[in-house]
């Protein structure tokens, strides 16, 4: 993996730019797709000219565009950034694109011999998969808390409302960047959202209170990015309202953790059980099934997802509750 300058014509309009060479098979959307909170994510836009991100760095807000470059035999990613945080945004690109995600041990023949056939075949077809590590704790934590114990539709609707209402336009939005690209609210702005606005967003008091508790220590939260994933997850769980599921969902994105499992997910245990045994199971059963691959359990789950397996859909679905008009 190497970093070179972006060709002059490509980088001319940006405040900072870099060309990153992964040094092997790579697919941009397979890598960063897990960072999107649905197609309507205000802070991420997939467009014909690349994938656009807006986020706040320690140096200030930034807009980042990532676009595939180079031949398929030697792929590269051009990164261009605008705004006060442009240099910091460009500096975060290699880890964001999985530069520290090492699949060597997973791909050893002896390890593959222990894996289910569907996982091995999925890996063979998806050598371009890398686990991203953004290092942005708050940007990952808040949307994840909003997803606690509600449907994805409810959570993403609330996240969009709050981001458009209390976030800010990304640097260059409407000129160099998509017009509706938004920065998430800063920690300070999240803390000052009034109770009636949480209600309008369909976010109940339990989730909004958890966000408030977490963000009162925003600086300490961001420092967790420098810790190993397991330690960061454990420290997150010392905050009331943040459990194993939330911590796992966060460090999967902030640290590129190859092992964290979202215990407590409404669907995951049944899905993994059906894929590996043909029968649904609970969280304890899922952990027993995945135990032989400790250290790579998230990789195994990711490969099951990419295998195309679909479990039978029996039983009730989680009901969407909308209390905004009450």
C-alpha atoms as a PDB file:
ATOM      1  CA  UNK A   1       0.000   0.000   0.000  1.00  0.00           C
ATOM      2  CA  UNK A   2       1.423   3.348  -1.035  1.00  0.00           C
ATOM      3  CA  UNK A   3       0.406   7.003  -1.216  1.00  0.00           C
ATOM      4  CA  UNK A   4       1.260   9.254  -4.156  1.00  0.00           C
ATOM      5  CA  UNK A   5       0.192  12.673  -5.368  1.00  0.00           C
ATOM      6  CA  UNK A   6      -3.066  12.973  -7.283  1.00  0.00           C
ATOM      7  CA  UNK A   7      -2.424  14.068 -10.883  1.00  0.00           C
ATOM      8  CA  UNK A   8      -2.465  17.867 -11.126  1.00  0.00           C
ATOM      9  CA  UNK A   9      -5.573  18.134 -13.306  1.00  0.00           C
ATOM     10  CA  UNK A  10      -7.603  16.003 -10.918  1.00  0.00           C
ATOM     11  CA  UNK A  11      -6.499  17.775  -7.731  1.00  0.00           C
ATOM     12  CA  UNK A  12      -6.498  21.375  -8.908  1.00  0.00           C
ATOM     13  CA  UNK A  13      -9.748  22.445  -7.232  1.00  0.00           C
ATOM     14  CA  UNK A  14      -9.197  20.686  -3.891  1.00  0.00           C
ATOM     15  CA  UNK A  15      -7.685  22.071  -0.678  1.00  0.00           C
ATOM     16  CA  UNK A  16      -5.901  18.736  -0.127  1.00  0.00           C
ATOM     17  CA  UNK A  17      -5.574  15.576  -2.172  1.00  0.00           C
ATOM     18  CA  UNK A  18      -3.825  12.231  -2.294  1.00  0.00           C
ATOM     19  CA  UNK A  19      -3.818   9.072  -4.403  1.00  0.00           C
ATOM     20  CA  UNK A  20      -3.851   5.863  -2.354  1.00  0.00           C
ATOM     21  CA  UNK A  21      -2.723   2.552  -3.809  1.00  0.00           C
ATOM     22  CA  UNK A  22      -4.105  -0.484  -1.930  1.00  0.00           C
ATOM     23  CA  UNK A  23      -1.513  -2.803  -3.440  1.00  0.00           C
ATOM     24  CA  UNK A  24      -4.039  -5.492  -4.276  1.00  0.00           C
ATOM     25  CA  UNK A  25      -7.686  -6.167  -5.167  1.00  0.00           C
ATOM     26  CA  UNK A  26      -9.943  -3.362  -4.002  1.00  0.00           C
ATOM     27  CA  UNK A  27     -13.562  -2.246  -4.324  1.00  0.00           C
ATOM     28  CA  UNK A  28     -14.463   1.195  -3.006  1.00  0.00           C
ATOM     29  CA  UNK A  29     -18.169   0.640  -2.310  1.00  0.00           C
ATOM     30  CA  UNK A  30     -17.630  -2.802  -0.793  1.00  0.00           C
ATOM     31  CA  UNK A  31     -15.261  -1.150   1.661  1.00  0.00           C
ATOM     32  CA  UNK A  32     -17.029   2.084   2.581  1.00  0.00           C
ATOM     33  CA  UNK A  33     -20.606   0.888   2.024  1.00  0.00           C
ATOM     34  CA  UNK A  34     -20.924  -0.167   5.645  1.00  0.00           C
ATOM     35  CA  UNK A  35     -20.398   3.478   6.684  1.00  0.00           C
ATOM     36  CA  UNK A  36     -23.578   4.652   4.935  1.00  0.00           C
ATOM     37  CA  UNK A  37     -26.747   4.940   7.009  1.00  0.00           C
ATOM     38  CA  UNK A  38     -28.999   4.084   4.100  1.00  0.00           C
ATOM     39  CA  UNK A  39     -29.358   5.763   0.716  1.00  0.00           C
ATOM     40  CA  UNK A  40     -30.638   8.953   2.352  1.00  0.00           C
ATOM     41  CA  UNK A  41     -27.662   9.444   4.677  1.00  0.00           C
ATOM     42  CA  UNK A  42     -27.205  13.259   4.795  1.00  0.00           C
ATOM     43  CA  UNK A  43     -23.443  12.972   5.460  1.00  0.00           C
ATOM     44  CA  UNK A  44     -22.601  10.470   2.716  1.00  0.00           C
ATOM     45  CA  UNK A  45     -23.527  10.589  -0.941  1.00  0.00           C
ATOM     46  CA  UNK A  46     -22.756   8.027  -3.634  1.00  0.00           C
ATOM     47  CA  UNK A  47     -22.612   9.773  -7.006  1.00  0.00           C
ATOM     48  CA  UNK A  48     -21.299   9.027 -10.503  1.00  0.00           C
ATOM     49  CA  UNK A  49     -18.123  10.985  -9.710  1.00  0.00           C
ATOM     50  CA  UNK A  50     -17.374   9.114  -6.479  1.00  0.00           C
ATOM     51  CA  UNK A  51     -18.452   8.762  -2.874  1.00  0.00           C
ATOM     52  CA  UNK A  52     -18.770  12.003  -0.903  1.00  0.00           C
ATOM     53  CA  UNK A  53     -18.363  12.273   2.874  1.00  0.00           C
ATOM     54  CA  UNK A  54     -18.830  15.242   5.196  1.00  0.00           C
ATOM     55  CA  UNK A  55     -17.444  15.184   8.725  1.00  0.00           C
ATOM     56  CA  UNK A  56     -15.763  17.324  11.330  1.00  0.00           C
ATOM     57  CA  UNK A  57     -12.056  16.806  12.041  1.00  0.00           C
ATOM     58  CA  UNK A  58      -9.997  18.250  14.927  1.00  0.00           C
ATOM     59  CA  UNK A  59      -9.015  21.020  12.469  1.00  0.00           C
ATOM     60  CA  UNK A  60     -12.572  21.795  11.396  1.00  0.00           C
ATOM     61  CA  UNK A  61     -15.203  20.580   8.923  1.00  0.00           C
ATOM     62  CA  UNK A  62     -14.273  18.794   5.728  1.00  0.00           C
ATOM     63  CA  UNK A  63     -15.827  17.424   2.582  1.00  0.00           C
ATOM     64  CA  UNK A  64     -14.079  14.354   1.174  1.00  0.00           C
ATOM     65  CA  UNK A  65     -14.536  12.798  -2.256  1.00  0.00           C
ATOM     66  CA  UNK A  66     -13.245   9.287  -2.945  1.00  0.00           C
ATOM     67  CA  UNK A  67     -13.093   7.984  -6.506  1.00  0.00           C
ATOM     68  CA  UNK A  68     -11.620   4.832  -8.013  1.00  0.00           C
ATOM     69  CA  UNK A  69      -8.664   5.426 -10.316  1.00  0.00           C
ATOM     70  CA  UNK A  70      -6.102   3.402 -12.219  1.00  0.00           C
ATOM     71  CA  UNK A  71      -6.498   0.089 -14.074  1.00  0.00           C
ATOM     72  CA  UNK A  72      -8.226  -2.908 -12.480  1.00  0.00           C
ATOM     73  CA  UNK A  73      -4.862  -4.660 -12.330  1.00  0.00           C
ATOM     74  CA  UNK A  74      -3.423  -1.840 -10.186  1.00  0.00           C
ATOM     75  CA  UNK A  75      -6.374  -0.013  -8.589  1.00  0.00           C
ATOM     76  CA  UNK A  76      -6.032   3.266  -6.745  1.00  0.00           C
ATOM     77  CA  UNK A  77      -8.328   5.734  -5.006  1.00  0.00           C
ATOM     78  CA  UNK A  78      -8.129   9.480  -5.558  1.00  0.00           C
ATOM     79  CA  UNK A  79      -9.042  11.452  -2.437  1.00  0.00           C
ATOM     80  CA  UNK A  80      -9.862  15.154  -2.620  1.00  0.00           C
ATOM     81  CA  UNK A  81     -10.950  17.289   0.318  1.00  0.00           C
ATOM     82  CA  UNK A  82     -12.250  20.806   0.890  1.00  0.00           C
ATOM     83  CA  UNK A  83     -12.647  22.924   3.996  1.00  0.00           C
ATOM     84  CA  UNK A  84     -10.573  23.731   7.103  1.00  0.00           C
ATOM     85  CA  UNK A  85     -10.251  20.023   7.906  1.00  0.00           C
ATOM     86  CA  UNK A  86      -9.173  19.009   4.395  1.00  0.00           C
ATOM     87  CA  UNK A  87      -5.642  17.917   5.305  1.00  0.00           C
ATOM     88  CA  UNK A  88      -6.855  15.887   8.283  1.00  0.00           C
ATOM     89  CA  UNK A  89      -9.563  14.276   6.148  1.00  0.00           C
ATOM     90  CA  UNK A  90      -7.069  13.228   3.493  1.00  0.00           C
ATOM     91  CA  UNK A  91      -4.751  11.914   6.215  1.00  0.00           C
ATOM     92  CA  UNK A  92      -7.504   9.627   7.472  1.00  0.00           C
ATOM     93  CA  UNK A  93      -8.123   8.037   4.066  1.00  0.00           C
ATOM     94  CA  UNK A  94      -5.811   4.985   4.208  1.00  0.00           C
ATOM     95  CA  UNK A  95      -7.323   3.646   7.461  1.00  0.00           C
ATOM     96  CA  UNK A  96     -10.796   4.580   6.248  1.00  0.00           C
ATOM     97  CA  UNK A  97     -10.147   2.395   3.201  1.00  0.00           C
ATOM     98  CA  UNK A  98      -8.896  -0.549   5.235  1.00  0.00           C
ATOM     99  CA  UNK A  99      -5.122  -0.082   5.050  1.00  0.00           C
ATOM    100  CA  UNK A 100      -4.751  -1.727   8.470  1.00  0.00           C
ATOM    101  CA  UNK A 101      -7.236  -4.528   7.790  1.00  0.00           C
ATOM    102  CA  UNK A 102      -5.079  -7.645   7.467  1.00  0.00           C
ATOM    103  CA  UNK A 103      -6.797 -10.772   6.125  1.00  0.00           C
ATOM    104  CA  UNK A 104      -3.584 -12.831   5.965  1.00  0.00           C
ATOM    105  CA  UNK A 105      -4.421 -15.192   8.832  1.00  0.00           C
ATOM    106  CA  UNK A 106      -8.017 -15.558   7.646  1.00  0.00           C
ATOM    107  CA  UNK A 107      -6.835 -16.534   4.161  1.00  0.00           C
ATOM    108  CA  UNK A 108      -4.403 -19.227   5.325  1.00  0.00           C
ATOM    109  CA  UNK A 109      -5.340 -22.632   3.843  1.00  0.00           C
ATOM    110  CA  UNK A 110      -5.341 -24.223   7.315  1.00  0.00           C
ATOM    111  CA  UNK A 111      -7.832 -21.630   8.554  1.00  0.00           C
ATOM    112  CA  UNK A 112      -9.992 -21.946   5.444  1.00  0.00           C
ATOM    113  CA  UNK A 113     -10.173 -25.681   6.105  1.00  0.00           C
ATOM    114  CA  UNK A 114     -12.094 -24.936   9.319  1.00  0.00           C
ATOM    115  CA  UNK A 115     -14.629 -22.621   7.656  1.00  0.00           C
ATOM    116  CA  UNK A 116     -18.036 -23.524   6.211  1.00  0.00           C
ATOM    117  CA  UNK A 117     -18.008 -23.912   2.456  1.00  0.00           C
ATOM    118  CA  UNK A 118     -20.301 -20.912   1.936  1.00  0.00           C
ATOM    119  CA  UNK A 119     -17.820 -18.664   3.779  1.00  0.00           C
ATOM    120  CA  UNK A 120     -14.831 -19.933   1.795  1.00  0.00           C
ATOM    121  CA  UNK A 121     -16.639 -19.461  -1.509  1.00  0.00           C
ATOM    122  CA  UNK A 122     -17.849 -15.998  -0.523  1.00  0.00           C
ATOM    123  CA  UNK A 123     -14.306 -14.981   0.362  1.00  0.00           C
ATOM    124  CA  UNK A 124     -12.987 -16.313  -2.949  1.00  0.00           C
ATOM    125  CA  UNK A 125     -15.529 -14.127  -4.783  1.00  0.00           C
ATOM    126  CA  UNK A 126     -14.924 -11.081  -2.564  1.00  0.00           C
ATOM    127  CA  UNK A 127     -11.176 -10.609  -2.221  1.00  0.00           C
ATOM    128  CA  UNK A 128     -11.768  -6.857  -2.546  1.00  0.00           C
ATOM    129  CA  UNK A 129     -13.506  -6.575   0.856  1.00  0.00           C
ATOM    130  CA  UNK A 130     -11.731  -4.519   3.514  1.00  0.00           C
ATOM    131  CA  UNK A 131     -13.007  -3.353   6.885  1.00  0.00           C
ATOM    132  CA  UNK A 132     -12.877   0.453   7.197  1.00  0.00           C
ATOM    133  CA  UNK A 133     -11.644   2.295  10.281  1.00  0.00           C
ATOM    134  CA  UNK A 134     -12.801   5.912  10.438  1.00  0.00           C
ATOM    135  CA  UNK A 135     -11.547   6.767  13.931  1.00  0.00           C
ATOM    136  CA  UNK A 136     -14.558   9.099  14.318  1.00  0.00           C
ATOM    137  CA  UNK A 137     -16.248   7.903  17.486  1.00  0.00           C
ATOM    138  CA  UNK A 138     -19.102  10.404  17.810  1.00  0.00           C
ATOM    139  CA  UNK A 139     -20.022  10.241  14.129  1.00  0.00           C
ATOM    140  CA  UNK A 140     -20.499   6.491  14.529  1.00  0.00           C
ATOM    141  CA  UNK A 141     -21.925   6.422  18.050  1.00  0.00           C
ATOM    142  CA  UNK A 142     -24.866   8.804  17.672  1.00  0.00           C
ATOM    143  CA  UNK A 143     -26.511   7.106  14.642  1.00  0.00           C
ATOM    144  CA  UNK A 144     -25.929   3.731  16.309  1.00  0.00           C
ATOM    145  CA  UNK A 145     -27.701   4.812  19.494  1.00  0.00           C
ATOM    146  CA  UNK A 146     -30.568   6.060  17.340  1.00  0.00           C
ATOM    147  CA  UNK A 147     -30.838   2.499  15.950  1.00  0.00           C
ATOM    148  CA  UNK A 148     -31.277   0.908  19.387  1.00  0.00           C
ATOM    149  CA  UNK A 149     -34.433  -1.228  19.671  1.00  0.00           C
ATOM    150  CA  UNK A 150     -36.245   0.361  16.730  1.00  0.00           C
ATOM    151  CA  UNK A 151     -36.547  -0.459  13.052  1.00  0.00           C
ATOM    152  CA  UNK A 152     -33.917   0.772  10.623  1.00  0.00           C
ATOM    153  CA  UNK A 153     -36.597   2.887   8.921  1.00  0.00           C
ATOM    154  CA  UNK A 154     -37.410   4.725  12.167  1.00  0.00           C
ATOM    155  CA  UNK A 155     -33.776   5.232  13.108  1.00  0.00           C
ATOM    156  CA  UNK A 156     -32.698   6.603   9.752  1.00  0.00           C
ATOM    157  CA  UNK A 157     -35.724   8.855   9.487  1.00  0.00           C
ATOM    158  CA  UNK A 158     -34.854  10.398  12.856  1.00  0.00           C
ATOM    159  CA  UNK A 159     -31.174  10.722  11.973  1.00  0.00           C
ATOM    160  CA  UNK A 160     -31.995  12.517   8.724  1.00  0.00           C
ATOM    161  CA  UNK A 161     -34.382  14.917  10.440  1.00  0.00           C
ATOM    162  CA  UNK A 162     -31.919  15.841  13.185  1.00  0.00           C
ATOM    163  CA  UNK A 163     -28.955  16.198  10.834  1.00  0.00           C
ATOM    164  CA  UNK A 164     -30.819  18.460   8.408  1.00  0.00           C
ATOM    165  CA  UNK A 165     -32.288  20.450  11.314  1.00  0.00           C
ATOM    166  CA  UNK A 166     -29.163  20.883  13.454  1.00  0.00           C
ATOM    167  CA  UNK A 167     -26.223  19.995  11.236  1.00  0.00           C
ATOM    168  CA  UNK A 168     -24.476  22.326   8.811  1.00  0.00           C
ATOM    169  CA  UNK A 169     -23.854  22.352   5.089  1.00  0.00           C
ATOM    170  CA  UNK A 170     -20.639  20.601   4.123  1.00  0.00           C
ATOM    171  CA  UNK A 171     -17.780  22.735   2.774  1.00  0.00           C
ATOM    172  CA  UNK A 172     -18.410  23.286  -0.913  1.00  0.00           C
ATOM    173  CA  UNK A 173     -21.943  21.889  -0.847  1.00  0.00           C
ATOM    174  CA  UNK A 174     -23.764  23.060  -3.939  1.00  0.00           C
ATOM    175  CA  UNK A 175     -20.544  24.037  -5.731  1.00  0.00           C
ATOM    176  CA  UNK A 176     -17.864  21.337  -5.743  1.00  0.00           C
ATOM    177  CA  UNK A 177     -19.945  18.889  -3.670  1.00  0.00           C
ATOM    178  CA  UNK A 178     -23.567  17.680  -3.801  1.00  0.00           C
ATOM    179  CA  UNK A 179     -25.959  20.420  -2.719  1.00  0.00           C
ATOM    180  CA  UNK A 180     -27.585  18.428   0.094  1.00  0.00           C
ATOM    181  CA  UNK A 181     -24.378  17.070   1.682  1.00  0.00           C
ATOM    182  CA  UNK A 182     -24.491  17.793   5.414  1.00  0.00           C
ATOM    183  CA  UNK A 183     -22.203  17.681   8.426  1.00  0.00           C
ATOM    184  CA  UNK A 184     -23.565  15.857  11.447  1.00  0.00           C
ATOM    185  CA  UNK A 185     -24.280  18.168  14.374  1.00  0.00           C
ATOM    186  CA  UNK A 186     -21.238  18.717  16.553  1.00  0.00           C
ATOM    187  CA  UNK A 187     -21.283  17.294  20.083  1.00  0.00           C
ATOM    188  CA  UNK A 188     -22.230  20.722  21.412  1.00  0.00           C
ATOM    189  CA  UNK A 189     -25.168  20.983  19.007  1.00  0.00           C
ATOM    190  CA  UNK A 190     -26.399  17.481  19.833  1.00  0.00           C
ATOM    191  CA  UNK A 191     -26.363  18.456  23.515  1.00  0.00           C
ATOM    192  CA  UNK A 192     -28.502  21.535  22.881  1.00  0.00           C
ATOM    193  CA  UNK A 193     -31.266  19.861  20.887  1.00  0.00           C
ATOM    194  CA  UNK A 194     -34.510  20.547  22.813  1.00  0.00           C
ATOM    195  CA  UNK A 195     -36.721  17.697  23.928  1.00  0.00           C
ATOM    196  CA  UNK A 196     -39.539  18.545  21.490  1.00  0.00           C
ATOM    197  CA  UNK A 197     -37.160  18.213  18.540  1.00  0.00           C
ATOM    198  CA  UNK A 198     -36.147  14.716  19.629  1.00  0.00           C
ATOM    199  CA  UNK A 199     -39.867  13.989  19.794  1.00  0.00           C
ATOM    200  CA  UNK A 200     -40.438  15.344  16.270  1.00  0.00           C
ATOM    201  CA  UNK A 201     -37.637  13.068  15.093  1.00  0.00           C
ATOM    202  CA  UNK A 202     -39.377  10.062  16.624  1.00  0.00           C
ATOM    203  CA  UNK A 203     -36.548   9.538  19.127  1.00  0.00           C
ATOM    204  CA  UNK A 204     -37.745   8.436  22.554  1.00  0.00           C
ATOM    205  CA  UNK A 205     -36.352   9.813  25.831  1.00  0.00           C
ATOM    206  CA  UNK A 206     -34.274   6.707  26.541  1.00  0.00           C
ATOM    207  CA  UNK A 207     -32.219   7.040  23.352  1.00  0.00           C
ATOM    208  CA  UNK A 208     -31.909  10.828  23.520  1.00  0.00           C
ATOM    209  CA  UNK A 209     -30.802  10.595  27.177  1.00  0.00           C
ATOM    210  CA  UNK A 210     -28.146   8.033  26.236  1.00  0.00           C
ATOM    211  CA  UNK A 211     -26.794  10.375  23.559  1.00  0.00           C
ATOM    212  CA  UNK A 212     -26.732  13.246  26.060  1.00  0.00           C
ATOM    213  CA  UNK A 213     -24.854  11.172  28.660  1.00  0.00           C
ATOM    214  CA  UNK A 214     -22.301   9.994  26.117  1.00  0.00           C
ATOM    215  CA  UNK A 215     -21.613  13.390  24.583  1.00  0.00           C
ATOM    216  CA  UNK A 216     -21.030  15.152  27.886  1.00  0.00           C
ATOM    217  CA  UNK A 217     -17.626  13.484  27.648  1.00  0.00           C
ATOM    218  CA  UNK A 218     -17.154  14.067  23.922  1.00  0.00           C
ATOM    219  CA  UNK A 219     -13.394  14.645  24.085  1.00  0.00           C
ATOM    220  CA  UNK A 220     -12.884  11.453  26.085  1.00  0.00           C
ATOM    221  CA  UNK A 221     -15.061   9.564  23.609  1.00  0.00           C
ATOM    222  CA  UNK A 222     -12.946  10.632  20.653  1.00  0.00           C
ATOM    223  CA  UNK A 223      -9.786   9.508  22.476  1.00  0.00           C
ATOM    224  CA  UNK A 224     -11.142   5.950  22.437  1.00  0.00           C
ATOM    225  CA  UNK A 225     -10.196   5.806  18.748  1.00  0.00           C
ATOM    226  CA  UNK A 226      -6.555   5.428  19.812  1.00  0.00           C
ATOM    227  CA  UNK A 227      -7.266   2.328  21.934  1.00  0.00           C
ATOM    228  CA  UNK A 228      -7.515  -1.265  20.699  1.00  0.00           C
ATOM    229  CA  UNK A 229     -11.065  -2.105  19.612  1.00  0.00           C
ATOM    230  CA  UNK A 230     -11.813  -4.397  22.579  1.00  0.00           C
ATOM    231  CA  UNK A 231     -10.737  -1.743  25.087  1.00  0.00           C
ATOM    232  CA  UNK A 232     -12.684   0.969  23.305  1.00  0.00           C
ATOM    233  CA  UNK A 233     -15.799  -1.225  23.274  1.00  0.00           C
ATOM    234  CA  UNK A 234     -15.425  -1.981  26.991  1.00  0.00           C
ATOM    235  CA  UNK A 235     -15.097   1.716  27.860  1.00  0.00           C
ATOM    236  CA  UNK A 236     -18.126   2.587  25.750  1.00  0.00           C
ATOM    237  CA  UNK A 237     -20.150   0.103  27.785  1.00  0.00           C
ATOM    238  CA  UNK A 238     -19.406   1.979  31.016  1.00  0.00           C
ATOM    239  CA  UNK A 239     -21.839   4.657  29.773  1.00  0.00           C
ATOM    240  CA  UNK A 240     -25.394   3.823  30.904  1.00  0.00           C
ATOM    241  CA  UNK A 241     -27.525   2.943  27.892  1.00  0.00           C
ATOM    242  CA  UNK A 242     -24.631   1.607  25.804  1.00  0.00           C
ATOM    243  CA  UNK A 243     -24.384  -2.182  25.718  1.00  0.00           C
ATOM    244  CA  UNK A 244     -22.642  -4.891  23.743  1.00  0.00           C
ATOM    245  CA  UNK A 245     -24.681  -4.333  20.572  1.00  0.00           C
ATOM    246  CA  UNK A 246     -24.014  -0.596  20.381  1.00  0.00           C
ATOM    247  CA  UNK A 247     -20.319  -0.924  21.216  1.00  0.00           C
ATOM    248  CA  UNK A 248     -19.835  -3.642  18.593  1.00  0.00           C
ATOM    249  CA  UNK A 249     -21.602  -1.650  15.879  1.00  0.00           C
ATOM    250  CA  UNK A 250     -19.410   1.353  16.664  1.00  0.00           C
ATOM    251  CA  UNK A 251     -15.979  -0.323  16.731  1.00  0.00           C
ATOM    252  CA  UNK A 252     -16.774  -2.237  13.550  1.00  0.00           C
ATOM    253  CA  UNK A 253     -16.752   1.165  11.838  1.00  0.00           C
ATOM    254  CA  UNK A 254     -14.288   3.215  13.908  1.00  0.00           C
ATOM    255  CA  UNK A 255     -11.643   0.509  14.376  1.00  0.00           C
ATOM    256  CA  UNK A 256     -12.348  -1.903  11.520  1.00  0.00           C
ATOM    257  CA  UNK A 257     -12.693  -4.575  14.201  1.00  0.00           C
ATOM    258  CA  UNK A 258     -12.587  -8.053  12.617  1.00  0.00           C
ATOM    259  CA  UNK A 259     -14.058  -9.817  15.646  1.00  0.00           C
ATOM    260  CA  UNK A 260     -16.824  -7.693  17.216  1.00  0.00           C
ATOM    261  CA  UNK A 261     -20.277  -9.267  17.050  1.00  0.00           C
ATOM    262  CA  UNK A 262     -23.510  -7.315  17.521  1.00  0.00           C
ATOM    263  CA  UNK A 263     -24.970  -9.464  20.288  1.00  0.00           C
ATOM    264  CA  UNK A 264     -28.566  -8.421  20.886  1.00  0.00           C
ATOM    265  CA  UNK A 265     -29.338  -7.671  17.251  1.00  0.00           C
ATOM    266  CA  UNK A 266     -32.961  -8.373  16.329  1.00  0.00           C
ATOM    267  CA  UNK A 267     -32.028 -10.551  13.333  1.00  0.00           C
ATOM    268  CA  UNK A 268     -28.350 -11.519  13.462  1.00  0.00           C
ATOM    269  CA  UNK A 269     -28.375 -14.602  15.704  1.00  0.00           C
ATOM    270  CA  UNK A 270     -31.240 -16.230  13.811  1.00  0.00           C
ATOM    271  CA  UNK A 271     -29.537 -15.419  10.512  1.00  0.00           C
ATOM    272  CA  UNK A 272     -26.156 -16.859  11.524  1.00  0.00           C
ATOM    273  CA  UNK A 273     -27.782 -19.948  13.031  1.00  0.00           C
ATOM    274  CA  UNK A 274     -29.812 -20.608   9.894  1.00  0.00           C
ATOM    275  CA  UNK A 275     -26.755 -20.134   7.673  1.00  0.00           C
ATOM    276  CA  UNK A 276     -24.433 -22.398   9.645  1.00  0.00           C
ATOM    277  CA  UNK A 277     -26.825 -25.103  10.882  1.00  0.00           C
ATOM    278  CA  UNK A 278     -30.097 -24.671   8.987  1.00  0.00           C
ATOM    279  CA  UNK A 279     -31.786 -23.731  12.272  1.00  0.00           C
ATOM    280  CA  UNK A 280     -32.342 -20.429  14.015  1.00  0.00           C
ATOM    281  CA  UNK A 281     -30.557 -19.799  17.274  1.00  0.00           C
ATOM    282  CA  UNK A 282     -30.233 -17.155  19.996  1.00  0.00           C
ATOM    283  CA  UNK A 283     -27.274 -14.967  20.929  1.00  0.00           C
ATOM    284  CA  UNK A 284     -25.644 -17.619  23.103  1.00  0.00           C
ATOM    285  CA  UNK A 285     -26.012 -20.160  20.322  1.00  0.00           C
ATOM    286  CA  UNK A 286     -24.546 -17.753  17.778  1.00  0.00           C
ATOM    287  CA  UNK A 287     -21.511 -17.134  19.959  1.00  0.00           C
ATOM    288  CA  UNK A 288     -20.968 -20.899  20.352  1.00  0.00           C
ATOM    289  CA  UNK A 289     -21.172 -21.373  16.583  1.00  0.00           C
ATOM    290  CA  UNK A 290     -18.678 -18.575  15.907  1.00  0.00           C
ATOM    291  CA  UNK A 291     -16.279 -19.478  18.753  1.00  0.00           C
ATOM    292  CA  UNK A 292     -13.909 -21.583  16.577  1.00  0.00           C
ATOM    293  CA  UNK A 293     -13.098 -18.453  14.568  1.00  0.00           C
ATOM    294  CA  UNK A 294     -12.430 -16.078  17.467  1.00  0.00           C
ATOM    295  CA  UNK A 295     -10.495 -13.092  16.235  1.00  0.00           C
ATOM    296  CA  UNK A 296     -12.243 -13.235  12.861  1.00  0.00           C
ATOM    297  CA  UNK A 297     -15.900 -13.607  13.826  1.00  0.00           C
ATOM    298  CA  UNK A 298     -16.952 -10.363  12.156  1.00  0.00           C
ATOM    299  CA  UNK A 299     -15.152 -11.420   8.987  1.00  0.00           C
ATOM    300  CA  UNK A 300     -17.094 -14.702   9.043  1.00  0.00           C
ATOM    301  CA  UNK A 301     -20.404 -12.861   9.493  1.00  0.00           C
ATOM    302  CA  UNK A 302     -19.496 -10.462   6.687  1.00  0.00           C
ATOM    303  CA  UNK A 303     -18.761 -13.369   4.362  1.00  0.00           C
ATOM    304  CA  UNK A 304     -22.051 -15.066   5.261  1.00  0.00           C
ATOM    305  CA  UNK A 305     -23.786 -11.839   4.280  1.00  0.00           C
ATOM    306  CA  UNK A 306     -21.904 -11.719   0.978  1.00  0.00           C
ATOM    307  CA  UNK A 307     -22.626 -15.401   0.248  1.00  0.00           C
ATOM    308  CA  UNK A 308     -26.165 -14.531  -0.822  1.00  0.00           C
ATOM    309  CA  UNK A 309     -27.729 -16.677   1.909  1.00  0.00           C
ATOM    310  CA  UNK A 310     -31.246 -15.654   2.968  1.00  0.00           C
ATOM    311  CA  UNK A 311     -32.983 -17.199   5.942  1.00  0.00           C
ATOM    312  CA  UNK A 312     -36.670 -18.164   5.774  1.00  0.00           C
ATOM    313  CA  UNK A 313     -38.861 -15.276   6.936  1.00  0.00           C
ATOM    314  CA  UNK A 314     -41.276 -16.678   9.484  1.00  0.00           C
ATOM    315  CA  UNK A 315     -42.727 -14.997  12.532  1.00  0.00           C
ATOM    316  CA  UNK A 316     -43.541 -11.364  13.318  1.00  0.00           C
ATOM    317  CA  UNK A 317     -41.564  -8.372  12.165  1.00  0.00           C
ATOM    318  CA  UNK A 318     -40.679  -5.523  14.474  1.00  0.00           C
ATOM    319  CA  UNK A 319     -43.515  -2.995  14.362  1.00  0.00           C
ATOM    320  CA  UNK A 320     -42.778   0.590  13.365  1.00  0.00           C
ATOM    321  CA  UNK A 321     -43.957   2.933  16.108  1.00  0.00           C
ATOM    322  CA  UNK A 322     -44.559   6.581  15.256  1.00  0.00           C
ATOM    323  CA  UNK A 323     -45.331   8.803  18.241  1.00  0.00           C
ATOM    324  CA  UNK A 324     -44.374  12.116  16.647  1.00  0.00           C
ATOM    325  CA  UNK A 325     -47.967  13.337  16.480  1.00  0.00           C
ATOM    326  CA  UNK A 326     -48.739  12.540  20.129  1.00  0.00           C
END
